[in-house]
C-alpha atoms as a PDB file:
ATOM      1  CA  MET A   1     102.348  89.630  45.414  1.00  0.00           C
ATOM      2  CA  PRO A   2      99.373  92.487  45.610  1.00  0.00           C
ATOM      3  CA  VAL A   3     100.317  96.477  45.282  1.00  0.00           C
ATOM      4  CA  PHE A   4      98.560  97.823  48.448  1.00  0.00           C
ATOM      5  CA  LYS A   5      97.933 101.850  48.683  1.00  0.00           C
ATOM      6  CA  SER A   6      99.559 103.572  51.033  1.00  0.00           C
ATOM      7  CA  VAL A   7      98.304 104.049  54.599  1.00  0.00           C
ATOM      8  CA  LYS A   8      97.673 107.703  55.319  1.00  0.00           C
ATOM      9  CA  THR A   9      97.002 108.916  58.931  1.00  0.00           C
ATOM     10  CA  PRO A  10      93.572 108.594  60.287  1.00  0.00           C
ATOM     11  CA  CYS A  11      94.463 111.650  61.896  1.00  0.00           C
ATOM     12  CA  VAL A  12      91.516 114.514  61.682  1.00  0.00           C
ATOM     13  CA  GLY A  13      93.204 117.058  63.557  1.00  0.00           C
ATOM     14  CA  ILE A  14      91.789 116.753  67.234  1.00  0.00           C
ATOM     15  CA  CYS A  15      93.984 115.214  68.915  1.00  0.00           C
ATOM     16  CA  SER A  16      93.347 114.593  72.844  1.00  0.00           C
ATOM     17  CA  THR A  17      96.271 112.117  73.758  1.00  0.00           C
ATOM     18  CA  GLY A  18      98.344 115.008  74.491  1.00  0.00           C
ATOM     19  CA  ILE A  19      96.026 115.878  77.293  1.00  0.00           C
ATOM     20  CA  GLY A  20      96.076 112.505  78.755  1.00  0.00           C
ATOM     21  CA  ASP A  21      93.828 110.265  76.877  1.00  0.00           C
ATOM     22  CA  SER A  22      94.503 106.793  76.134  1.00  0.00           C
ATOM     23  CA  VAL A  23      92.224 106.756  73.123  1.00  0.00           C
ATOM     24  CA  CYS A  24      92.030 110.059  70.626  1.00  0.00           C
ATOM     25  CA  ARG A  25      88.964 111.391  70.834  1.00  0.00           C
ATOM     26  CA  GLY A  26      89.223 112.498  67.062  1.00  0.00           C
ATOM     27  CA  CYS A  27      90.493 109.409  64.924  1.00  0.00           C
ATOM     28  CA  LYS A  28      90.169 106.488  67.951  1.00  0.00           C
ATOM     29  CA  ARG A  29      93.209 105.515  67.592  1.00  0.00           C
ATOM     30  CA  PHE A  30      95.533 104.677  70.852  1.00  0.00           C
ATOM     31  CA  SER A  31      97.801 106.968  72.610  1.00  0.00           C
ATOM     32  CA  HIS A  32     100.709 104.698  71.280  1.00  0.00           C
ATOM     33  CA  GLU A  33     100.047 104.460  67.877  1.00  0.00           C
ATOM     34  CA  VAL A  34      99.527 108.009  67.567  1.00  0.00           C
ATOM     35  CA  ILE A  35     102.968 108.190  68.942  1.00  0.00           C
ATOM     36  CA  HIS A  36     104.412 105.605  66.924  1.00  0.00           C
ATOM     37  CA  TRP A  37     102.630 106.372  63.374  1.00  0.00           C
ATOM     38  CA  ASN A  38     105.316 107.108  61.693  1.00  0.00           C
ATOM     39  CA  ALA A  39     107.665 104.192  62.597  1.00  0.00           C
ATOM     40  CA  TYR A  40     104.865 101.766  62.078  1.00  0.00           C
ATOM     41  CA  SER A  41     105.241  99.519  58.626  1.00  0.00           C
ATOM     42  CA  GLN A  42     102.425  99.971  56.328  1.00  0.00           C
ATOM     43  CA  GLU A  43     101.149  96.321  57.291  1.00  0.00           C
ATOM     44  CA  GLN A  44     100.956  97.420  60.769  1.00  0.00           C
ATOM     45  CA  ARG A  45      99.021 100.678  59.380  1.00  0.00           C
ATOM     46  CA  ARG A  46      96.854  98.931  57.358  1.00  0.00           C
ATOM     47  CA  ILE A  47      95.926  96.424  60.793  1.00  0.00           C
ATOM     48  CA  ILE A  48      95.036  99.861  62.799  1.00  0.00           C
ATOM     49  CA  ALA A  49      93.047 101.496  59.830  1.00  0.00           C
ATOM     50  CA  ASN A  50      90.900  98.147  59.290  1.00  0.00           C
ATOM     51  CA  ARG A  51      89.728  98.058  63.200  1.00  0.00           C
ATOM     52  CA  LEU A  52      89.080 101.696  63.484  1.00  0.00           C
ATOM     53  CA  GLU A  53      86.946 101.312  60.016  1.00  0.00           C
ATOM     54  CA  SER A  54      85.355  97.874  61.049  1.00  0.00           C
ATOM     55  CA  TYR A  55      84.210 100.002  64.268  1.00  0.00           C
ATOM     56  CA  LEU A  56      83.029 102.706  62.551  1.00  0.00           C
ATOM     57  CA  THR A  57      81.148 100.776  59.789  1.00  0.00           C
ATOM     58  CA  GLN A  58      79.537  99.034  62.714  1.00  0.00           C
ATOM     59  CA  VAL A  59      78.074 102.196  64.048  1.00  0.00           C
ATOM     60  CA  VAL A  60      76.685 103.846  61.231  1.00  0.00           C
ATOM     61  CA  ALA A  61      75.370 100.518  59.831  1.00  0.00           C
ATOM     62  CA  ASN A  62      73.024 100.464  63.380  1.00  0.00           C
ATOM     63  CA  ARG A  63      71.758 103.771  62.350  1.00  0.00           C
ATOM     64  CA  ILE A  64      71.593 104.159  58.290  1.00  0.00           C
ATOM     65  CA  ARG A  65      71.145 102.085  55.565  1.00  0.00           C
ATOM     66  CA  VAL A  66      73.066 102.562  52.302  1.00  0.00           C
ATOM     67  CA  LEU A  67      70.590 101.838  49.400  1.00  0.00           C
ATOM     68  CA  ASP A  68      72.533 103.225  46.660  1.00  0.00           C
ATOM     69  CA  GLU A  69      76.501 103.483  46.936  1.00  0.00           C
ATOM     70  CA  THR A  70      77.220 104.903  43.401  1.00  0.00           C
ATOM     71  CA  LEU A  71      74.530 107.627  44.163  1.00  0.00           C
ATOM     72  CA  LEU A  72      75.914 108.266  47.715  1.00  0.00           C
ATOM     73  CA  LEU A  73      79.703 108.213  46.191  1.00  0.00           C
ATOM     74  CA  THR A  74      78.381 110.893  43.207  1.00  0.00           C
ATOM     75  CA  GLN A  75      76.610 113.227  45.744  1.00  0.00           C
ATOM     76  CA  ILE A  76      79.893 112.946  47.719  1.00  0.00           C
ATOM     77  CA  ARG A  77      82.298 113.907  45.167  1.00  0.00           C
ATOM     78  CA  HIS A  78      79.351 116.798  43.674  1.00  0.00           C
ATOM     79  CA  GLN A  79      79.922 118.158  47.407  1.00  0.00           C
ATOM     80  CA  GLN A  80      83.232 117.620  47.706  1.00  0.00           C
ATOM     81  CA  ILE A  81      83.482 116.207  50.929  1.00  0.00           C
ATOM     82  CA  GLN A  82      86.506 114.856  51.875  1.00  0.00           C
ATOM     83  CA  PHE A  83      86.540 111.216  52.180  1.00  0.00           C
ATOM     84  CA  LYS A  84      88.934 108.150  51.622  1.00  0.00           C
ATOM     85  CA  PRO A  85      87.249 105.912  48.272  1.00  0.00           C
ATOM     86  CA  GLU A  86      88.946 102.492  49.970  1.00  0.00           C
ATOM     87  CA  GLN A  87      86.736 102.550  52.931  1.00  0.00           C
ATOM     88  CA  SER A  88      83.262 101.117  52.966  1.00  0.00           C
ATOM     89  CA  PRO A  89      80.670 103.031  52.376  1.00  0.00           C
ATOM     90  CA  GLU A  90      79.476 103.392  55.746  1.00  0.00           C
ATOM     91  CA  CYS A  91      82.535 105.726  56.533  1.00  0.00           C
ATOM     92  CA  TRP A  92      81.814 107.600  53.979  1.00  0.00           C
ATOM     93  CA  VAL A  93      78.381 108.128  55.157  1.00  0.00           C
ATOM     94  CA  PHE A  94      80.271 109.393  58.317  1.00  0.00           C
ATOM     95  CA  ASP A  95      82.367 111.654  56.529  1.00  0.00           C
ATOM     96  CA  LEU A  96      78.916 113.278  55.073  1.00  0.00           C
ATOM     97  CA  LEU A  97      77.636 113.611  58.157  1.00  0.00           C
ATOM     98  CA  ARG A  98      80.586 115.395  59.596  1.00  0.00           C
ATOM     99  CA  ALA A  99      80.572 117.537  56.602  1.00  0.00           C
ATOM    100  CA  GLY A 100      77.302 119.042  56.746  1.00  0.00           C
ATOM    101  CA  ALA A 101      74.724 117.188  58.856  1.00  0.00           C
ATOM    102  CA  SER A 102      72.862 119.955  60.018  1.00  0.00           C
ATOM    103  CA  GLN A 103      72.306 121.251  56.227  1.00  0.00           C
ATOM    104  CA  ILE A 104      71.006 117.772  54.926  1.00  0.00           C
ATOM    105  CA  SER A 105      66.754 117.532  54.885  1.00  0.00           C
ATOM    106  CA  ASN A 106      66.493 114.509  52.370  1.00  0.00           C
ATOM    107  CA  LEU A 107      68.827 111.348  53.122  1.00  0.00           C
ATOM    108  CA  GLN A 108      67.125 109.464  49.940  1.00  0.00           C
ATOM    109  CA  VAL A 109      69.114 112.421  47.716  1.00  0.00           C
ATOM    110  CA  TYR A 110      72.413 110.381  48.943  1.00  0.00           C
ATOM    111  CA  GLY A 111      71.055 107.432  48.658  1.00  0.00           C
ATOM    112  CA  LEU A 112      70.349 106.612  52.241  1.00  0.00           C
ATOM    113  CA  GLU A 113      67.815 105.898  55.015  1.00  0.00           C
ATOM    114  CA  LEU A 114      67.439 106.165  58.646  1.00  0.00           C
ATOM    115  CA  MET A 115      67.037 102.901  60.435  1.00  0.00           C
ATOM    116  CA  PRO A 116      63.325 102.975  61.739  1.00  0.00           C
ATOM    117  CA  GLU A 117      64.360 103.396  65.178  1.00  0.00           C
ATOM    118  CA  TRP A 118      66.142 106.415  64.283  1.00  0.00           C
ATOM    119  CA  ARG A 119      63.728 108.048  61.932  1.00  0.00           C
ATOM    120  CA  ASP A 120      62.788 110.774  64.689  1.00  0.00           C
ATOM    121  CA  THR A 121      66.240 111.752  65.616  1.00  0.00           C
ATOM    122  CA  SER A 122      67.536 115.061  63.826  1.00  0.00           C
ATOM    123  CA  LEU A 123      70.826 114.130  61.587  1.00  0.00           C
ATOM    124  CA  VAL A 124      73.075 116.314  63.952  1.00  0.00           C
ATOM    125  CA  THR A 125      72.312 114.131  67.004  1.00  0.00           C
ATOM    126  CA  ILE A 126      72.563 110.735  65.126  1.00  0.00           C
ATOM    127  CA  ARG A 127      76.242 112.423  64.143  1.00  0.00           C
ATOM    128  CA  ASP A 128      77.319 112.875  67.535  1.00  0.00           C
ATOM    129  CA  ASP A 129      75.909 109.793  68.745  1.00  0.00           C
ATOM    130  CA  ILE A 130      78.068 107.550  65.682  1.00  0.00           C
ATOM    131  CA  ASP A 131      81.153 109.429  67.254  1.00  0.00           C
ATOM    132  CA  LYS A 132      80.269 108.710  70.712  1.00  0.00           C
ATOM    133  CA  ASP A 133      79.948 105.000  70.011  1.00  0.00           C
ATOM    134  CA  TYR A 134      82.793 104.919  68.086  1.00  0.00           C
ATOM    135  CA  TYR A 135      85.000 106.600  70.520  1.00  0.00           C
ATOM    136  CA  ALA A 136      83.216 103.648  73.017  1.00  0.00           C
ATOM    137  CA  LEU A 137      84.156 100.857  70.305  1.00  0.00           C
ATOM    138  CA  SER A 138      87.742 101.900  70.783  1.00  0.00           C
ATOM    139  CA  CYS A 139      87.793 102.573  74.287  1.00  0.00           C
ATOM    140  CA  ALA A 140      86.579  98.703  75.179  1.00  0.00           C
ATOM    141  CA  TYR A 141      89.030  97.348  73.033  1.00  0.00           C
ATOM    142  CA  TYR A 142      91.753  99.593  74.613  1.00  0.00           C
ATOM    143  CA  ASP A 143      90.593  98.516  78.080  1.00  0.00           C
ATOM    144  CA  ARG A 144      89.625  94.750  77.379  1.00  0.00           C
ATOM    145  CA  TYR A 145      93.074  93.988  75.346  1.00  0.00           C
ATOM    146  CA  ILE A 146      95.632  96.803  75.378  1.00  0.00           C
ATOM    147  CA  ALA A 147      95.357  98.549  79.040  1.00  0.00           C
ATOM    148  CA  PRO A 148      96.087  95.078  80.900  1.00  0.00           C
ATOM    149  CA  GLY A 149      99.162  94.359  79.178  1.00  0.00           C
ATOM    150  CA  LEU A 150     100.474  97.739  79.749  1.00  0.00           C
ATOM    151  CA  ILE A 151      99.858  96.835  83.226  1.00  0.00           C
ATOM    152  CA  ALA A 152     101.384  93.874  83.538  1.00  0.00           C
ATOM    153  CA  SER A 153     104.732  94.716  81.730  1.00  0.00           C
ATOM    154  CA  ASP A 154     105.343  97.843  84.307  1.00  0.00           C
ATOM    155  CA  THR A 155     105.299  95.589  87.148  1.00  0.00           C
END
């Protein structure tokens, strides 16, 4: 039987579910996932973490290409950036951008390159756009698959 690491909370300390959002603007979990996180099994937490990772990976990969994963990992560790090594390198890229998009002048130092259509866009704007699209994907999933079940159960 495989041994799995404990799934840590995706919370980033910016919760908007307390002000009525169905999807947290910080971690992108659904409000009921935030509320019930501590009661979930590791498998339930893993399912949520995998969903969030897949959305973030997709959004980052549309803007930034990871050319050298080893170099990226080395630089992230050298810069002492908080990240989850078990996640995809694209998630590491987002952690890097959150920590210092305004301070990065050369992505090649990190083993990264911008996709051609994003080369004239600042990293701060790219970081903010990634976050918006990541949130939009979570909201779209919630609206399509979760909210209809909540409405149906209310009737």
